[in-house]
Amino acid sequence: MDFWATTCLPCLIAMPYSKQLKIDYENKNIEMIYISLDKDRDKWMNSEANQKVIPFENSYILDTRGNNAMIDKFNIQSIPRYMLFDENGRLLQNDSYGPKTKEIREIFDKYIPT
C-alpha cells in the first residue's frame, strides 16, 4: 500500500519505480494499492490521467478533511509511506521500503509464492 499525494515531490519521484515494480510483478499474486492524500480530487484525477503517474486500477483518494480512521489507525504522519500486508490482510511492515530499493524486491520474492 502506497500513501502519496500529487503535491509530494518524493512521492512523484518514486512513482516510475512503483510502476516498474508493478510491471515486474504483474503475473505474481500481488496487488499494489495507491492511496492519495490529496485534498483536491480534480488535481488528483488530472495527475493520474494526464501524467500517467499510476494506473487507475487500485488507486483511491482518501478524504483527509477532518479526522480519518485509516490515517489514525496506521499513524500516517508523512508521505510517501509504504506498507506491506500478507494475503490475509495482516500487516507485515508498517513502514516498508520504497519501490526504488532492492530490499522491497527481496521482501516480495520472500513472501510471494513462485
PDB file of N, CA and C in Angstrom:
ATOM      1  N   MET A   1       0.859  -1.152   0.000  1.00  0.00           N
ATOM      2  CA  MET A   1       0.000   0.000   0.000  1.00  0.00           C
ATOM      3  C   MET A   1       0.911   1.223   0.000  1.00  0.00           C
ATOM      4  N   ASP A   2       0.615   2.137  -0.893  1.00  0.00           N
ATOM      5  CA  ASP A   2       1.426   3.331  -1.081  1.00  0.00           C
ATOM      6  C   ASP A   2       0.575   4.556  -0.770  1.00  0.00           C
ATOM      7  N   PHE A   3       0.940   5.290   0.292  1.00  0.00           N
ATOM      8  CA  PHE A   3       0.275   6.541   0.619  1.00  0.00           C
ATOM      9  C   PHE A   3       1.085   7.661  -0.027  1.00  0.00           C
ATOM     10  N   TRP A   4       0.428   8.518  -0.779  1.00  0.00           N
ATOM     11  CA  TRP A   4       1.128   9.540  -1.540  1.00  0.00           C
ATOM     12  C   TRP A   4       0.205  10.731  -1.787  1.00  0.00           C
ATOM     13  N   ALA A   5       0.728  11.765  -2.474  1.00  0.00           N
ATOM     14  CA  ALA A   5      -0.080  12.911  -2.895  1.00  0.00           C
ATOM     15  C   ALA A   5       0.588  13.571  -4.094  1.00  0.00           C
ATOM     16  N   THR A   6      -0.202  14.241  -4.893  1.00  0.00           N
ATOM     17  CA  THR A   6       0.331  14.914  -6.081  1.00  0.00           C
ATOM     18  C   THR A   6       1.233  16.085  -5.705  1.00  0.00           C
ATOM     19  N   THR A   7       1.117  16.594  -4.493  1.00  0.00           N
ATOM     20  CA  THR A   7       1.934  17.718  -4.041  1.00  0.00           C
ATOM     21  C   THR A   7       3.238  17.261  -3.393  1.00  0.00           C
ATOM     22  N   CYS A   8       3.460  15.977  -3.326  1.00  0.00           N
ATOM     23  CA  CYS A   8       4.639  15.404  -2.660  1.00  0.00           C
ATOM     24  C   CYS A   8       5.686  15.033  -3.708  1.00  0.00           C
ATOM     25  N   LEU A   9       6.748  15.833  -3.803  1.00  0.00           N
ATOM     26  CA  LEU A   9       7.779  15.577  -4.801  1.00  0.00           C
ATOM     27  C   LEU A   9       8.433  14.204  -4.627  1.00  0.00           C
ATOM     28  N   PRO A  10       8.825  13.790  -3.408  1.00  0.00           N
ATOM     29  CA  PRO A  10       9.398  12.444  -3.262  1.00  0.00           C
ATOM     30  C   PRO A  10       8.426  11.342  -3.723  1.00  0.00           C
ATOM     31  N   CYS A  11       7.133  11.567  -3.520  1.00  0.00           N
ATOM     32  CA  CYS A  11       6.127  10.596  -3.977  1.00  0.00           C
ATOM     33  C   CYS A  11       6.150  10.488  -5.495  1.00  0.00           C
ATOM     34  N   LEU A  12       6.169  11.624  -6.159  1.00  0.00           N
ATOM     35  CA  LEU A  12       6.150  11.637  -7.621  1.00  0.00           C
ATOM     36  C   LEU A  12       7.437  11.072  -8.203  1.00  0.00           C
ATOM     37  N   ILE A  13       8.558  11.332  -7.551  1.00  0.00           N
ATOM     38  CA  ILE A  13       9.835  10.767  -7.999  1.00  0.00           C
ATOM     39  C   ILE A  13       9.807   9.250  -7.883  1.00  0.00           C
ATOM     40  N   ALA A  14       9.143   8.727  -6.856  1.00  0.00           N
ATOM     41  CA  ALA A  14       9.082   7.272  -6.638  1.00  0.00           C
ATOM     42  C   ALA A  14       8.112   6.562  -7.580  1.00  0.00           C
ATOM     43  N   MET A  15       7.147   7.281  -8.147  1.00  0.00           N
ATOM     44  CA  MET A  15       6.102   6.637  -8.949  1.00  0.00           C
ATOM     45  C   MET A  15       6.609   5.839 -10.145  1.00  0.00           C
ATOM     46  N   PRO A  16       7.580   6.315 -10.925  1.00  0.00           N
ATOM     47  CA  PRO A  16       8.061   5.462 -12.030  1.00  0.00           C
ATOM     48  C   PRO A  16       8.637   4.132 -11.529  1.00  0.00           C
ATOM     49  N   TYR A  17       9.275   4.149 -10.377  1.00  0.00           N
ATOM     50  CA  TYR A  17       9.812   2.914  -9.794  1.00  0.00           C
ATOM     51  C   TYR A  17       8.672   2.007  -9.319  1.00  0.00           C
ATOM     52  N   SER A  18       7.644   2.619  -8.778  1.00  0.00           N
ATOM     53  CA  SER A  18       6.465   1.861  -8.351  1.00  0.00           C
ATOM     54  C   SER A  18       5.784   1.223  -9.561  1.00  0.00           C
ATOM     55  N   LYS A  19       5.688   1.993 -10.624  1.00  0.00           N
ATOM     56  CA  LYS A  19       5.075   1.485 -11.849  1.00  0.00           C
ATOM     57  C   LYS A  19       5.888   0.309 -12.409  1.00  0.00           C
ATOM     58  N   GLN A  20       7.221   0.430 -12.396  1.00  0.00           N
ATOM     59  CA  GLN A  20       8.072  -0.655 -12.883  1.00  0.00           C
ATOM     60  C   GLN A  20       7.950  -1.881 -11.993  1.00  0.00           C
ATOM     61  N   LEU A  21       7.879  -1.667 -10.691  1.00  0.00           N
ATOM     62  CA  LEU A  21       7.696  -2.777  -9.756  1.00  0.00           C
ATOM     63  C   LEU A  21       6.396  -3.512 -10.056  1.00  0.00           C
ATOM     64  N   LYS A  22       5.351  -2.739 -10.326  1.00  0.00           N
ATOM     65  CA  LYS A  22       4.049  -3.330 -10.673  1.00  0.00           C
ATOM     66  C   LYS A  22       4.166  -4.177 -11.941  1.00  0.00           C
ATOM     67  N   ILE A  23       4.877  -3.671 -12.930  1.00  0.00           N
ATOM     68  CA  ILE A  23       5.078  -4.407 -14.186  1.00  0.00           C
ATOM     69  C   ILE A  23       5.895  -5.673 -13.932  1.00  0.00           C
ATOM     70  N   ASP A  24       6.970  -5.550 -13.171  1.00  0.00           N
ATOM     71  CA  ASP A  24       7.854  -6.695 -12.920  1.00  0.00           C
ATOM     72  C   ASP A  24       7.167  -7.827 -12.158  1.00  0.00           C
ATOM     73  N   TYR A  25       6.182  -7.484 -11.333  1.00  0.00           N
ATOM     74  CA  TYR A  25       5.475  -8.493 -10.531  1.00  0.00           C
ATOM     75  C   TYR A  25       4.038  -8.698 -11.022  1.00  0.00           C
ATOM     76  N   GLU A  26       3.804  -8.346 -12.259  1.00  0.00           N
ATOM     77  CA  GLU A  26       2.468  -8.392 -12.849  1.00  0.00           C
ATOM     78  C   GLU A  26       1.816  -9.770 -12.792  1.00  0.00           C
ATOM     79  N   ASN A  27       2.555 -10.809 -13.017  1.00  0.00           N
ATOM     80  CA  ASN A  27       1.990 -12.164 -13.057  1.00  0.00           C
ATOM     81  C   ASN A  27       2.139 -12.902 -11.730  1.00  0.00           C
ATOM     82  N   LYS A  28       2.436 -12.176 -10.688  1.00  0.00           N
ATOM     83  CA  LYS A  28       2.568 -12.769  -9.360  1.00  0.00           C
ATOM     84  C   LYS A  28       1.291 -12.483  -8.571  1.00  0.00           C
ATOM     85  N   ASN A  29       1.149 -13.125  -7.468  1.00  0.00           N
ATOM     86  CA  ASN A  29      -0.025 -12.947  -6.618  1.00  0.00           C
ATOM     87  C   ASN A  29       0.195 -11.748  -5.693  1.00  0.00           C
ATOM     88  N   ILE A  30       0.138 -10.547  -6.283  1.00  0.00           N
ATOM     89  CA  ILE A  30       0.381  -9.332  -5.512  1.00  0.00           C
ATOM     90  C   ILE A  30      -0.489  -8.206  -6.063  1.00  0.00           C
ATOM     91  N   GLU A  31      -0.943  -7.361  -5.184  1.00  0.00           N
ATOM     92  CA  GLU A  31      -1.727  -6.192  -5.579  1.00  0.00           C
ATOM     93  C   GLU A  31      -1.052  -4.953  -5.025  1.00  0.00           C
ATOM     94  N   MET A  32      -0.900  -3.976  -5.866  1.00  0.00           N
ATOM     95  CA  MET A  32      -0.390  -2.670  -5.444  1.00  0.00           C
ATOM     96  C   MET A  32      -1.604  -1.767  -5.245  1.00  0.00           C
ATOM     97  N   ILE A  33      -1.659  -1.111  -4.111  1.00  0.00           N
ATOM     98  CA  ILE A  33      -2.775  -0.216  -3.805  1.00  0.00           C
ATOM     99  C   ILE A  33      -2.199   1.164  -3.529  1.00  0.00           C
ATOM    100  N   TYR A  34      -2.760   2.157  -4.211  1.00  0.00           N
ATOM    101  CA  TYR A  34      -2.287   3.530  -4.099  1.00  0.00           C
ATOM    102  C   TYR A  34      -3.359   4.368  -3.422  1.00  0.00           C
ATOM    103  N   ILE A  35      -3.004   4.997  -2.307  1.00  0.00           N
ATOM    104  CA  ILE A  35      -3.937   5.817  -1.544  1.00  0.00           C
ATOM    105  C   ILE A  35      -3.427   7.261  -1.569  1.00  0.00           C
ATOM    106  N   SER A  36      -4.144   8.107  -2.266  1.00  0.00           N
ATOM    107  CA  SER A  36      -3.759   9.512  -2.344  1.00  0.00           C
ATOM    108  C   SER A  36      -4.342  10.281  -1.160  1.00  0.00           C
ATOM    109  N   LEU A  37      -3.523  11.156  -0.606  1.00  0.00           N
ATOM    110  CA  LEU A  37      -3.967  12.023   0.482  1.00  0.00           C
ATOM    111  C   LEU A  37      -4.246  13.437  -0.029  1.00  0.00           C
ATOM    112  N   ASP A  38      -4.445  13.558  -1.330  1.00  0.00           N
ATOM    113  CA  ASP A  38      -4.760  14.859  -1.917  1.00  0.00           C
ATOM    114  C   ASP A  38      -6.079  15.389  -1.373  1.00  0.00           C
ATOM    115  N   LYS A  39      -6.133  16.693  -1.242  1.00  0.00           N
ATOM    116  CA  LYS A  39      -7.376  17.334  -0.811  1.00  0.00           C
ATOM    117  C   LYS A  39      -8.217  17.765  -2.017  1.00  0.00           C
ATOM    118  N   ASP A  40      -7.591  17.879  -3.183  1.00  0.00           N
ATOM    119  CA  ASP A  40      -8.250  18.332  -4.399  1.00  0.00           C
ATOM    120  C   ASP A  40      -8.441  17.145  -5.342  1.00  0.00           C
ATOM    121  N   ARG A  41      -9.664  16.660  -5.423  1.00  0.00           N
ATOM    122  CA  ARG A  41      -9.961  15.483  -6.256  1.00  0.00           C
ATOM    123  C   ARG A  41      -9.638  15.708  -7.729  1.00  0.00           C
ATOM    124  N   ASP A  42      -9.930  16.896  -8.239  1.00  0.00           N
ATOM    125  CA  ASP A  42      -9.639  17.187  -9.650  1.00  0.00           C
ATOM    126  C   ASP A  42      -8.141  17.139  -9.930  1.00  0.00           C
ATOM    127  N   LYS A  43      -7.353  17.694  -9.043  1.00  0.00           N
ATOM    128  CA  LYS A  43      -5.898  17.659  -9.223  1.00  0.00           C
ATOM    129  C   LYS A  43      -5.398  16.219  -9.221  1.00  0.00           C
ATOM    130  N   TRP A  44      -5.935  15.423  -8.311  1.00  0.00           N
ATOM    131  CA  TRP A  44      -5.557  14.011  -8.247  1.00  0.00           C
ATOM    132  C   TRP A  44      -5.932  13.292  -9.548  1.00  0.00           C
ATOM    133  N   MET A  45      -7.148  13.509 -10.023  1.00  0.00           N
ATOM    134  CA  MET A  45      -7.607  12.870 -11.261  1.00  0.00           C
ATOM    135  C   MET A  45      -6.742  13.299 -12.443  1.00  0.00           C
ATOM    136  N   ASN A  46      -6.451  14.569 -12.545  1.00  0.00           N
ATOM    137  CA  ASN A  46      -5.645  15.057 -13.658  1.00  0.00           C
ATOM    138  C   ASN A  46      -4.219  14.559 -13.582  1.00  0.00           C
ATOM    139  N   SER A  47      -3.695  14.407 -12.408  1.00  0.00           N
ATOM    140  CA  SER A  47      -2.348  13.885 -12.250  1.00  0.00           C
ATOM    141  C   SER A  47      -2.258  12.474 -12.806  1.00  0.00           C
ATOM    142  N   GLU A  48      -3.233  11.655 -12.473  1.00  0.00           N
ATOM    143  CA  GLU A  48      -3.228  10.271 -12.962  1.00  0.00           C
ATOM    144  C   GLU A  48      -3.512  10.198 -14.457  1.00  0.00           C
ATOM    145  N   ALA A  49      -4.510  10.914 -14.898  1.00  0.00           N
ATOM    146  CA  ALA A  49      -4.940  10.808 -16.285  1.00  0.00           C
ATOM    147  C   ALA A  49      -3.924  11.434 -17.234  1.00  0.00           C
ATOM    148  N   ASN A  50      -3.419  12.602 -16.904  1.00  0.00           N
ATOM    149  CA  ASN A  50      -2.556  13.322 -17.831  1.00  0.00           C
ATOM    150  C   ASN A  50      -1.089  12.964 -17.717  1.00  0.00           C
ATOM    151  N   GLN A  51      -0.612  12.707 -16.528  1.00  0.00           N
ATOM    152  CA  GLN A  51       0.799  12.386 -16.348  1.00  0.00           C
ATOM    153  C   GLN A  51       1.051  10.886 -16.286  1.00  0.00           C
ATOM    154  N   LYS A  52      -0.021  10.116 -16.211  1.00  0.00           N
ATOM    155  CA  LYS A  52       0.085   8.659 -16.120  1.00  0.00           C
ATOM    156  C   LYS A  52       1.039   8.250 -14.988  1.00  0.00           C
ATOM    157  N   VAL A  53       0.871   8.938 -13.856  1.00  0.00           N
ATOM    158  CA  VAL A  53       1.707   8.654 -12.691  1.00  0.00           C
ATOM    159  C   VAL A  53       1.509   7.214 -12.249  1.00  0.00           C
ATOM    160  N   ILE A  54       0.255   6.830 -12.101  1.00  0.00           N
ATOM    161  CA  ILE A  54      -0.066   5.447 -11.774  1.00  0.00           C
ATOM    162  C   ILE A  54      -1.363   5.087 -12.478  1.00  0.00           C
ATOM    163  N   PRO A  55      -1.622   3.814 -12.672  1.00  0.00           N
ATOM    164  CA  PRO A  55      -2.890   3.442 -13.300  1.00  0.00           C
ATOM    165  C   PRO A  55      -4.069   3.650 -12.351  1.00  0.00           C
ATOM    166  N   PHE A  56      -5.253   3.758 -12.899  1.00  0.00           N
ATOM    167  CA  PHE A  56      -6.447   3.936 -12.080  1.00  0.00           C
ATOM    168  C   PHE A  56      -6.775   2.694 -11.251  1.00  0.00           C
ATOM    169  N   GLU A  57      -6.401   1.527 -11.734  1.00  0.00           N
ATOM    170  CA  GLU A  57      -6.700   0.297 -11.005  1.00  0.00           C
ATOM    171  C   GLU A  57      -6.049   0.324  -9.626  1.00  0.00           C
ATOM    172  N   ASN A  58      -6.820   0.059  -8.611  1.00  0.00           N
ATOM    173  CA  ASN A  58      -6.350   0.033  -7.229  1.00  0.00           C
ATOM    174  C   ASN A  58      -5.807   1.377  -6.763  1.00  0.00           C
ATOM    175  N   SER A  59      -6.357   2.445  -7.302  1.00  0.00           N
ATOM    176  CA  SER A  59      -5.938   3.784  -6.922  1.00  0.00           C
ATOM    177  C   SER A  59      -7.129   4.527  -6.338  1.00  0.00           C
ATOM    178  N   TYR A  60      -6.927   5.086  -5.146  1.00  0.00           N
ATOM    179  CA  TYR A  60      -8.024   5.712  -4.427  1.00  0.00           C
ATOM    180  C   TYR A  60      -7.579   7.030  -3.827  1.00  0.00           C
ATOM    181  N   ILE A  61      -8.539   7.892  -3.581  1.00  0.00           N
ATOM    182  CA  ILE A  61      -8.261   9.125  -2.860  1.00  0.00           C
ATOM    183  C   ILE A  61      -8.955   9.009  -1.508  1.00  0.00           C
ATOM    184  N   LEU A  62      -8.242   9.395  -0.470  1.00  0.00           N
ATOM    185  CA  LEU A  62      -8.743   9.300   0.888  1.00  0.00           C
ATOM    186  C   LEU A  62      -9.183  10.686   1.339  1.00  0.00           C
ATOM    187  N   ASP A  63     -10.374  10.778   1.840  1.00  0.00           N
ATOM    188  CA  ASP A  63     -10.867  12.061   2.329  1.00  0.00           C
ATOM    189  C   ASP A  63     -10.128  12.403   3.618  1.00  0.00           C
ATOM    190  N   THR A  64      -9.246  13.387   3.528  1.00  0.00           N
ATOM    191  CA  THR A  64      -8.425  13.741   4.685  1.00  0.00           C
ATOM    192  C   THR A  64      -8.918  15.010   5.375  1.00  0.00           C
ATOM    193  N   ARG A  65     -10.080  15.469   4.987  1.00  0.00           N
ATOM    194  CA  ARG A  65     -10.643  16.640   5.670  1.00  0.00           C
ATOM    195  C   ARG A  65     -11.185  16.171   7.016  1.00  0.00           C
ATOM    196  N   GLY A  66     -10.638  16.720   8.073  1.00  0.00           N
ATOM    197  CA  GLY A  66     -11.059  16.292   9.409  1.00  0.00           C
ATOM    198  C   GLY A  66     -10.366  15.001   9.805  1.00  0.00           C
ATOM    199  N   ASN A  67     -10.929  14.283  10.718  1.00  0.00           N
ATOM    200  CA  ASN A  67     -10.346  13.028  11.198  1.00  0.00           C
ATOM    201  C   ASN A  67     -10.592  11.916  10.189  1.00  0.00           C
ATOM    202  N   ASN A  68      -9.642  11.009  10.104  1.00  0.00           N
ATOM    203  CA  ASN A  68      -9.785   9.868   9.218  1.00  0.00           C
ATOM    204  C   ASN A  68      -9.285   8.628   9.952  1.00  0.00           C
ATOM    205  N   ALA A  69     -10.134   7.617  10.038  1.00  0.00           N
ATOM    206  CA  ALA A  69      -9.814   6.403  10.805  1.00  0.00           C
ATOM    207  C   ALA A  69      -8.585   5.683  10.255  1.00  0.00           C
ATOM    208  N   MET A  70      -8.429   5.647   8.931  1.00  0.00           N
ATOM    209  CA  MET A  70      -7.290   4.938   8.348  1.00  0.00           C
ATOM    210  C   MET A  70      -5.974   5.642   8.690  1.00  0.00           C
ATOM    211  N   ILE A  71      -5.962   6.958   8.575  1.00  0.00           N
ATOM    212  CA  ILE A  71      -4.759   7.725   8.909  1.00  0.00           C
ATOM    213  C   ILE A  71      -4.426   7.551  10.385  1.00  0.00           C
ATOM    214  N   ASP A  72      -5.449   7.587  11.208  1.00  0.00           N
ATOM    215  CA  ASP A  72      -5.239   7.409  12.648  1.00  0.00           C
ATOM    216  C   ASP A  72      -4.751   5.998  12.973  1.00  0.00           C
ATOM    217  N   LYS A  73      -5.395   4.998  12.390  1.00  0.00           N
ATOM    218  CA  LYS A  73      -5.044   3.605  12.688  1.00  0.00           C
ATOM    219  C   LYS A  73      -3.594   3.292  12.334  1.00  0.00           C
ATOM    220  N   PHE A  74      -3.142   3.766  11.163  1.00  0.00           N
ATOM    221  CA  PHE A  74      -1.788   3.462  10.709  1.00  0.00           C
ATOM    222  C   PHE A  74      -0.787   4.566  11.037  1.00  0.00           C
ATOM    223  N   ASN A  75      -1.256   5.601  11.752  1.00  0.00           N
ATOM    224  CA  ASN A  75      -0.400   6.696  12.183  1.00  0.00           C
ATOM    225  C   ASN A  75       0.381   7.296  11.000  1.00  0.00           C
ATOM    226  N   ILE A  76      -0.344   7.644   9.954  1.00  0.00           N
ATOM    227  CA  ILE A  76       0.268   8.247   8.770  1.00  0.00           C
ATOM    228  C   ILE A  76       0.548   9.708   9.084  1.00  0.00           C
ATOM    229  N   GLN A  77       1.829  10.036   9.227  1.00  0.00           N
ATOM    230  CA  GLN A  77       2.216  11.406   9.534  1.00  0.00           C
ATOM    231  C   GLN A  77       3.034  12.044   8.424  1.00  0.00           C
ATOM    232  N   SER A  78       3.565  11.228   7.537  1.00  0.00           N
ATOM    233  CA  SER A  78       4.337  11.760   6.419  1.00  0.00           C
ATOM    234  C   SER A  78       4.210  10.806   5.231  1.00  0.00           C
ATOM    235  N   ILE A  79       4.457  11.350   4.052  1.00  0.00           N
ATOM    236  CA  ILE A  79       4.414  10.565   2.824  1.00  0.00           C
ATOM    237  C   ILE A  79       5.666  10.868   2.013  1.00  0.00           C
ATOM    238  N   PRO A  80       6.091   9.976   1.147  1.00  0.00           N
ATOM    239  CA  PRO A  80       5.456   8.699   0.855  1.00  0.00           C
ATOM    240  C   PRO A  80       5.588   7.734   2.028  1.00  0.00           C
ATOM    241  N   ARG A  81       4.625   6.860   2.106  1.00  0.00           N
ATOM    242  CA  ARG A  81       4.599   5.837   3.157  1.00  0.00           C
ATOM    243  C   ARG A  81       4.167   4.530   2.514  1.00  0.00           C
ATOM    244  N   TYR A  82       4.936   3.491   2.747  1.00  0.00           N
ATOM    245  CA  TYR A  82       4.674   2.187   2.141  1.00  0.00           C
ATOM    246  C   TYR A  82       4.398   1.169   3.236  1.00  0.00           C
ATOM    247  N   MET A  83       3.374   0.355   3.006  1.00  0.00           N
ATOM    248  CA  MET A  83       3.010  -0.682   3.962  1.00  0.00           C
ATOM    249  C   MET A  83       2.836  -1.996   3.209  1.00  0.00           C
ATOM    250  N   LEU A  84       3.189  -3.085   3.862  1.00  0.00           N
ATOM    251  CA  LEU A  84       3.032  -4.412   3.262  1.00  0.00           C
ATOM    252  C   LEU A  84       2.086  -5.251   4.102  1.00  0.00           C
ATOM    253  N   PHE A  85       1.178  -5.930   3.414  1.00  0.00           N
ATOM    254  CA  PHE A  85       0.221  -6.826   4.047  1.00  0.00           C
ATOM    255  C   PHE A  85       0.356  -8.203   3.415  1.00  0.00           C
ATOM    256  N   ASP A  86       0.042  -9.246   4.162  1.00  0.00           N
ATOM    257  CA  ASP A  86       0.052 -10.581   3.573  1.00  0.00           C
ATOM    258  C   ASP A  86      -1.287 -10.855   2.888  1.00  0.00           C
ATOM    259  N   GLU A  87      -1.432 -12.050   2.341  1.00  0.00           N
ATOM    260  CA  GLU A  87      -2.640 -12.400   1.579  1.00  0.00           C
ATOM    261  C   GLU A  87      -3.899 -12.437   2.441  1.00  0.00           C
ATOM    262  N   ASN A  88      -3.728 -12.464   3.767  1.00  0.00           N
ATOM    263  CA  ASN A  88      -4.877 -12.464   4.676  1.00  0.00           C
ATOM    264  C   ASN A  88      -5.171 -11.083   5.251  1.00  0.00           C
ATOM    265  N   GLY A  89      -4.442 -10.079   4.771  1.00  0.00           N
ATOM    266  CA  GLY A  89      -4.666  -8.721   5.238  1.00  0.00           C
ATOM    267  C   GLY A  89      -3.939  -8.363   6.517  1.00  0.00           C
ATOM    268  N   ARG A  90      -3.052  -9.248   6.959  1.00  0.00           N
ATOM    269  CA  ARG A  90      -2.270  -8.946   8.159  1.00  0.00           C
ATOM    270  C   ARG A  90      -1.107  -8.029   7.793  1.00  0.00           C
ATOM    271  N   LEU A  91      -0.890  -7.031   8.604  1.00  0.00           N
ATOM    272  CA  LEU A  91       0.187  -6.075   8.375  1.00  0.00           C
ATOM    273  C   LEU A  91       1.536  -6.750   8.617  1.00  0.00           C
ATOM    274  N   LEU A  92       2.387  -6.742   7.578  1.00  0.00           N
ATOM    275  CA  LEU A  92       3.733  -7.300   7.701  1.00  0.00           C
ATOM    276  C   LEU A  92       4.746  -6.223   8.044  1.00  0.00           C
ATOM    277  N   GLN A  93       4.621  -5.088   7.373  1.00  0.00           N
ATOM    278  CA  GLN A  93       5.530  -3.968   7.623  1.00  0.00           C
ATOM    279  C   GLN A  93       4.742  -2.670   7.599  1.00  0.00           C
ATOM    280  N   ASN A  94       4.815  -1.935   8.695  1.00  0.00           N
ATOM    281  CA  ASN A  94       4.080  -0.690   8.825  1.00  0.00           C
ATOM    282  C   ASN A  94       4.768   0.463   8.101  1.00  0.00           C
ATOM    283  N   ASP A  95       6.069   0.415   7.987  1.00  0.00           N
ATOM    284  CA  ASP A  95       6.841   1.451   7.307  1.00  0.00           C
ATOM    285  C   ASP A  95       7.890   0.738   6.471  1.00  0.00           C
ATOM    286  N   SER A  96       7.483   0.316   5.294  1.00  0.00           N
ATOM    287  CA  SER A  96       8.307  -0.555   4.462  1.00  0.00           C
ATOM    288  C   SER A  96       9.246   0.238   3.555  1.00  0.00           C
ATOM    289  N   TYR A  97      10.045  -0.499   2.821  1.00  0.00           N
ATOM    290  CA  TYR A  97      10.969   0.079   1.845  1.00  0.00           C
ATOM    291  C   TYR A  97      10.188   0.624   0.658  1.00  0.00           C
ATOM    292  N   GLY A  98      10.758   1.624   0.004  1.00  0.00           N
ATOM    293  CA  GLY A  98      10.144   2.207  -1.177  1.00  0.00           C
ATOM    294  C   GLY A  98      10.389   1.366  -2.415  1.00  0.00           C
ATOM    295  N   PRO A  99       9.710   1.705  -3.509  1.00  0.00           N
ATOM    296  CA  PRO A  99       9.777   0.908  -4.730  1.00  0.00           C
ATOM    297  C   PRO A  99      11.128   0.955  -5.449  1.00  0.00           C
ATOM    298  N   LYS A 100      11.964   1.907  -5.098  1.00  0.00           N
ATOM    299  CA  LYS A 100      13.271   2.029  -5.748  1.00  0.00           C
ATOM    300  C   LYS A 100      14.318   1.100  -5.136  1.00  0.00           C
ATOM    301  N   THR A 101      14.049   0.569  -3.958  1.00  0.00           N
ATOM    302  CA  THR A 101      15.049  -0.197  -3.216  1.00  0.00           C
ATOM    303  C   THR A 101      15.109  -1.667  -3.643  1.00  0.00           C
ATOM    304  N   LYS A 102      16.281  -2.241  -3.479  1.00  0.00           N
ATOM    305  CA  LYS A 102      16.419  -3.679  -3.746  1.00  0.00           C
ATOM    306  C   LYS A 102      15.752  -4.483  -2.640  1.00  0.00           C
ATOM    307  N   GLU A 103      15.662  -3.894  -1.438  1.00  0.00           N
ATOM    308  CA  GLU A 103      15.071  -4.596  -0.299  1.00  0.00           C
ATOM    309  C   GLU A 103      13.595  -4.932  -0.530  1.00  0.00           C
ATOM    310  N   ILE A 104      12.872  -4.062  -1.201  1.00  0.00           N
ATOM    311  CA  ILE A 104      11.450  -4.352  -1.431  1.00  0.00           C
ATOM    312  C   ILE A 104      11.301  -5.564  -2.341  1.00  0.00           C
ATOM    313  N   ARG A 105      12.170  -5.692  -3.320  1.00  0.00           N
ATOM    314  CA  ARG A 105      12.127  -6.863  -4.211  1.00  0.00           C
ATOM    315  C   ARG A 105      12.489  -8.138  -3.452  1.00  0.00           C
ATOM    316  N   GLU A 106      13.439  -8.040  -2.551  1.00  0.00           N
ATOM    317  CA  GLU A 106      13.810  -9.198  -1.728  1.00  0.00           C
ATOM    318  C   GLU A 106      12.630  -9.638  -0.863  1.00  0.00           C
ATOM    319  N   ILE A 107      11.919  -8.671  -0.300  1.00  0.00           N
ATOM    320  CA  ILE A 107      10.746  -8.994   0.522  1.00  0.00           C
ATOM    321  C   ILE A 107       9.651  -9.618  -0.334  1.00  0.00           C
ATOM    322  N   PHE A 108       9.384  -9.015  -1.486  1.00  0.00           N
ATOM    323  CA  PHE A 108       8.368  -9.586  -2.393  1.00  0.00           C
ATOM    324  C   PHE A 108       8.732 -11.023  -2.743  1.00  0.00           C
ATOM    325  N   ASP A 109       9.970 -11.249  -3.102  1.00  0.00           N
ATOM    326  CA  ASP A 109      10.415 -12.589  -3.505  1.00  0.00           C
ATOM    327  C   ASP A 109      10.299 -13.578  -2.337  1.00  0.00           C
ATOM    328  N   LYS A 110      10.475 -13.086  -1.129  1.00  0.00           N
ATOM    329  CA  LYS A 110      10.373 -13.957   0.050  1.00  0.00           C
ATOM    330  C   LYS A 110       8.922 -14.380   0.310  1.00  0.00           C
ATOM    331  N   TYR A 111       7.984 -13.446   0.166  1.00  0.00           N
ATOM    332  CA  TYR A 111       6.606 -13.710   0.547  1.00  0.00           C
ATOM    333  C   TYR A 111       5.695 -14.163  -0.596  1.00  0.00           C
ATOM    334  N   ILE A 112       6.083 -13.895  -1.824  1.00  0.00           N
ATOM    335  CA  ILE A 112       5.225 -14.252  -2.950  1.00  0.00           C
ATOM    336  C   ILE A 112       5.589 -15.643  -3.438  1.00  0.00           C
ATOM    337  N   PRO A 113       4.622 -16.541  -3.425  1.00  0.00           N
ATOM    338  CA  PRO A 113       4.907 -17.905  -3.914  1.00  0.00           C
ATOM    339  C   PRO A 113       5.259 -17.887  -5.407  1.00  0.00           C
ATOM    340  N   THR A 114       6.199 -18.742  -5.776  1.00  0.00           N
ATOM    341  CA  THR A 114       6.585 -18.806  -7.193  1.00  0.00           C
ATOM    342  C   THR A 114       5.791 -19.851  -7.931  1.00  0.00           C
TER     343      THR A 114
END
